C-alpha atoms as a PDB file:
ATOM      1  CA  UNK A   1    -111.361-123.841  84.151  1.00  0.00           C
ATOM      2  CA  UNK A   2    -108.980-120.987  85.085  1.00  0.00           C
ATOM      3  CA  UNK A   3    -105.398-119.675  84.048  1.00  0.00           C
ATOM      4  CA  UNK A   4    -103.136-118.366  86.039  1.00  0.00           C
ATOM      5  CA  UNK A   5    -103.130-118.473  89.686  1.00  0.00           C
ATOM      6  CA  UNK A   6    -105.994-119.623  92.392  1.00  0.00           C
ATOM      7  CA  UNK A   7    -105.123-116.665  94.495  1.00  0.00           C
ATOM      8  CA  UNK A   8    -106.508-114.477  91.730  1.00  0.00           C
ATOM      9  CA  UNK A   9    -109.425-116.376  90.961  1.00  0.00           C
ATOM     10  CA  UNK A  10    -112.263-114.452  92.343  1.00  0.00           C
ATOM     11  CA  UNK A  11    -113.697-115.490  96.250  1.00  0.00           C
ATOM     12  CA  UNK A  12    -116.993-115.881  94.318  1.00  0.00           C
ATOM     13  CA  UNK A  13    -115.990-118.271  91.899  1.00  0.00           C
ATOM     14  CA  UNK A  14    -113.909-120.205  94.682  1.00  0.00           C
ATOM     15  CA  UNK A  15    -117.047-120.219  96.365  1.00  0.00           C
ATOM     16  CA  UNK A  16    -118.724-121.883  93.895  1.00  0.00           C
ATOM     17  CA  UNK A  17    -116.368-124.931  93.380  1.00  0.00           C
ATOM     18  CA  UNK A  18    -117.223-128.046  94.538  1.00  0.00           C
ATOM     19  CA  UNK A  19    -115.667-130.393  97.289  1.00  0.00           C
ATOM     20  CA  UNK A  20    -114.484-131.905  94.383  1.00  0.00           C
ATOM     21  CA  UNK A  21    -113.191-129.602  92.047  1.00  0.00           C
ATOM     22  CA  UNK A  22    -111.434-127.450  94.989  1.00  0.00           C
ATOM     23  CA  UNK A  23    -108.912-130.413  95.992  1.00  0.00           C
ATOM     24  CA  UNK A  24    -108.700-130.582  92.150  1.00  0.00           C
ATOM     25  CA  UNK A  25    -107.408-127.386  91.396  1.00  0.00           C
ATOM     26  CA  UNK A  26    -105.235-127.098  94.755  1.00  0.00           C
ATOM     27  CA  UNK A  27    -103.889-130.130  92.932  1.00  0.00           C
ATOM     28  CA  UNK A  28    -103.035-128.893  89.941  1.00  0.00           C
ATOM     29  CA  UNK A  29    -101.094-125.687  91.522  1.00  0.00           C
ATOM     30  CA  UNK A  30     -98.995-128.443  93.544  1.00  0.00           C
ATOM     31  CA  UNK A  31     -97.783-129.992  90.668  1.00  0.00           C
ATOM     32  CA  UNK A  32     -97.551-126.813  88.030  1.00  0.00           C
ATOM     33  CA  UNK A  33     -95.268-124.931  91.166  1.00  0.00           C
ATOM     34  CA  UNK A  34     -92.688-128.323  91.340  1.00  0.00           C
ATOM     35  CA  UNK A  35     -92.357-128.478  87.625  1.00  0.00           C
END
């Protein structure tokens, strides 16, 4: 996966993800923010 912030991700990269991958990515981001 990518390192760094989701917001820094290229829009094309994000659009290429499957729905499952997007859910995982957002879940991971939430976990990182809580630490």
